[in-house]
Amino acid sequence: EGGLVIDMRSMDDEFQFQVVELNGTTCVDVGGGALWADVLERCVSEFGLAPRSWTDYLDLTVGGTLSNAGVSGQTFRYGPQTSNVKEIEVVTGKGDTVVCSESQNCELFFGVLGGLGQFGIITRARLLLQTAPDMVRWIR
């Protein structure tokens, strides 16, 4: 009661999908409305890479699962999805767009990840990638 549901499908902008290399670490920038299925498919098919941790049900949004801590089958090895995020862009309740990470606006960064949407809406996430195993192929 009194809650708010936001449809993030319009935030799934393919122009927000970009693989970047930062200080020897490979990451992907994706919109908060991107589905994990689409992120995984593009990473594996186009780059031979995969996020270190993703959700077991792939038809959920990146922003949504990061807001809920993102526990998955890879958690035992790589930690929850929230432990594999380098940076997020957040729209706060005041309407400000803020980029945050462990070293920049860190209180908001840690509050939003797993914060159930109480501190802001994730509009972009920078996720850690790793080389996909040789036998992995995207078939759907």
Protein backbone atom coordinates (compact mmCIF):
# COMPACT_ATOMS: atom_id res chain seq x y z
CA GLU A 1 0.00 0.00 0.00
CA GLY A 2 1.34 3.43 -0.93
CA GLY A 3 4.12 1.90 -3.05
CA LEU A 4 5.20 2.83 -6.54
CA VAL A 5 5.99 0.60 -9.51
CA ILE A 6 8.09 2.01 -12.34
CA ASP A 7 8.07 0.43 -15.80
CA MET A 8 11.74 0.49 -16.85
CA ARG A 9 11.27 -0.99 -20.33
CA SER A 10 11.83 2.38 -21.98
CA MET A 11 15.24 2.51 -20.24
CA ASP A 12 16.41 -0.52 -22.24
CA ASP A 13 18.34 1.56 -24.74
CA GLU A 14 20.79 -0.47 -26.83
CA PHE A 15 23.00 2.60 -27.07
CA GLN A 16 23.63 2.19 -23.34
CA PHE A 17 25.28 -1.20 -23.99
CA GLN A 18 29.02 -0.64 -24.16
CA VAL A 19 31.96 -2.86 -23.22
CA VAL A 20 34.72 -0.79 -21.61
CA GLU A 21 38.20 -1.55 -20.27
CA LEU A 22 39.22 0.37 -17.16
CA ASN A 23 42.61 -0.17 -15.52
CA GLY A 24 42.84 -3.70 -16.93
CA THR A 25 39.30 -4.61 -15.86
CA THR A 26 36.65 -5.35 -18.49
CA CYS A 27 33.15 -4.08 -17.76
CA VAL A 28 29.88 -3.49 -19.57
CA ASP A 29 27.69 -0.41 -19.20
CA VAL A 30 23.99 -1.25 -19.50
CA GLY A 31 20.74 0.59 -18.90
CA GLY A 32 18.80 -0.12 -15.74
CA GLY A 33 15.92 -1.44 -17.84
CA ALA A 34 18.05 -3.97 -19.74
CA LEU A 35 17.00 -7.58 -19.28
CA TRP A 36 19.68 -9.98 -18.04
CA ALA A 37 18.86 -12.24 -21.00
CA ASP A 38 19.81 -9.47 -23.45
CA VAL A 39 22.95 -8.52 -21.54
CA LEU A 40 24.13 -12.13 -21.36
CA GLU A 41 23.32 -12.79 -25.02
CA ARG A 42 25.22 -9.75 -26.30
CA CYS A 43 28.20 -10.29 -24.01
CA VAL A 44 28.59 -13.95 -24.98
CA SER A 45 27.68 -13.70 -28.68
CA GLU A 46 29.53 -10.52 -29.58
CA PHE A 47 32.49 -10.47 -27.19
CA GLY A 48 32.98 -13.97 -25.73
CA LEU A 49 32.48 -12.43 -22.27
CA ALA A 50 29.97 -12.93 -19.47
CA PRO A 51 29.01 -11.02 -16.33
CA ARG A 52 30.58 -12.58 -13.24
CA SER A 53 27.17 -12.92 -11.59
CA TRP A 54 23.68 -12.73 -13.08
CA THR A 55 20.19 -13.71 -12.03
CA ASP A 56 18.90 -17.26 -12.42
CA TYR A 57 15.71 -15.95 -14.06
CA LEU A 58 16.95 -13.92 -17.03
CA ASP A 59 13.79 -11.95 -17.83
CA LEU A 60 14.40 -9.49 -14.98
CA THR A 61 15.96 -6.05 -15.36
CA VAL A 62 19.49 -5.27 -14.28
CA GLY A 63 18.36 -2.27 -12.23
CA GLY A 64 15.63 -4.29 -10.55
CA THR A 65 17.83 -7.16 -9.42
CA LEU A 66 20.62 -4.83 -8.26
CA SER A 67 18.03 -3.02 -6.14
CA ASN A 68 17.23 -6.38 -4.53
CA ALA A 69 20.85 -7.49 -3.89
CA GLY A 70 20.94 -9.91 -6.85
CA VAL A 71 21.49 -13.32 -5.29
CA SER A 72 22.07 -16.02 -7.90
CA GLY A 73 23.65 -19.37 -8.60
CA GLN A 74 27.05 -17.70 -9.03
CA THR A 75 26.87 -16.03 -5.60
CA PHE A 76 28.86 -18.79 -3.89
CA ARG A 77 31.78 -18.14 -6.24
CA TYR A 78 31.64 -14.44 -7.17
CA GLY A 79 29.37 -12.90 -4.56
CA PRO A 80 25.96 -11.38 -5.23
CA GLN A 81 25.42 -9.21 -8.29
CA THR A 82 25.86 -6.12 -6.13
CA SER A 83 29.47 -7.15 -5.40
CA ASN A 84 30.20 -7.12 -9.13
CA VAL A 85 29.14 -3.54 -9.87
CA LYS A 86 31.78 -0.87 -10.45
CA GLU A 87 29.50 2.13 -10.97
CA ILE A 88 25.84 3.07 -11.17
CA GLU A 89 23.85 6.05 -12.33
CA VAL A 90 20.90 6.82 -10.10
CA VAL A 91 17.93 9.16 -10.24
CA THR A 92 17.22 10.26 -6.68
CA GLY A 93 13.87 11.13 -5.14
CA LYS A 94 14.70 14.80 -5.75
CA GLY A 95 15.08 14.08 -9.47
CA ASP A 96 18.86 14.49 -9.52
CA THR A 97 20.92 12.16 -11.73
CA VAL A 98 23.98 11.04 -9.77
CA VAL A 99 26.89 8.79 -10.81
CA CYS A 100 28.23 6.81 -7.89
CA SER A 101 30.76 4.10 -7.09
CA GLU A 102 32.80 2.82 -4.15
CA SER A 103 34.88 6.03 -4.33
CA GLN A 104 32.37 8.59 -5.65
CA ASN A 105 29.11 9.29 -3.80
CA CYS A 106 29.79 6.02 -1.97
CA GLU A 107 26.97 6.34 0.59
CA LEU A 108 24.41 6.49 -2.22
CA PHE A 109 26.20 3.67 -4.09
CA PHE A 110 25.97 1.27 -1.16
CA GLY A 111 22.49 2.47 -0.20
CA VAL A 112 21.02 1.91 -3.66
CA LEU A 113 22.55 -1.54 -4.22
CA GLY A 114 20.15 -3.81 -2.37
CA GLY A 115 18.19 -0.79 -1.13
CA LEU A 116 14.86 -1.90 -2.65
CA GLY A 117 14.46 1.40 -4.52
CA GLN A 118 14.33 3.44 -1.30
CA PHE A 119 17.27 5.69 -2.23
CA GLY A 120 16.87 6.03 -5.99
CA ILE A 121 16.27 4.33 -9.31
CA ILE A 122 19.20 2.69 -11.12
CA THR A 123 19.30 3.99 -14.70
CA ARG A 124 22.72 2.60 -15.66
CA ALA A 125 25.09 0.01 -14.23
CA ARG A 126 28.72 -0.85 -14.96
CA LEU A 127 29.13 -4.59 -14.40
CA LEU A 128 32.32 -6.63 -14.14
CA LEU A 129 32.87 -9.09 -17.00
CA GLN A 130 35.01 -12.18 -17.37
CA THR A 131 35.93 -14.40 -20.28
CA ALA A 132 33.10 -16.82 -21.03
CA PRO A 133 34.16 -20.49 -20.87
CA ASP A 134 35.11 -21.92 -24.28
CA MET A 135 32.11 -24.24 -24.38
CA VAL A 136 29.55 -21.48 -23.73
CA ARG A 137 27.31 -20.60 -26.68
CA TRP A 138 24.15 -18.53 -26.69
CA ILE A 139 21.24 -20.59 -28.01
CA ARG A 140 17.69 -19.49 -27.49
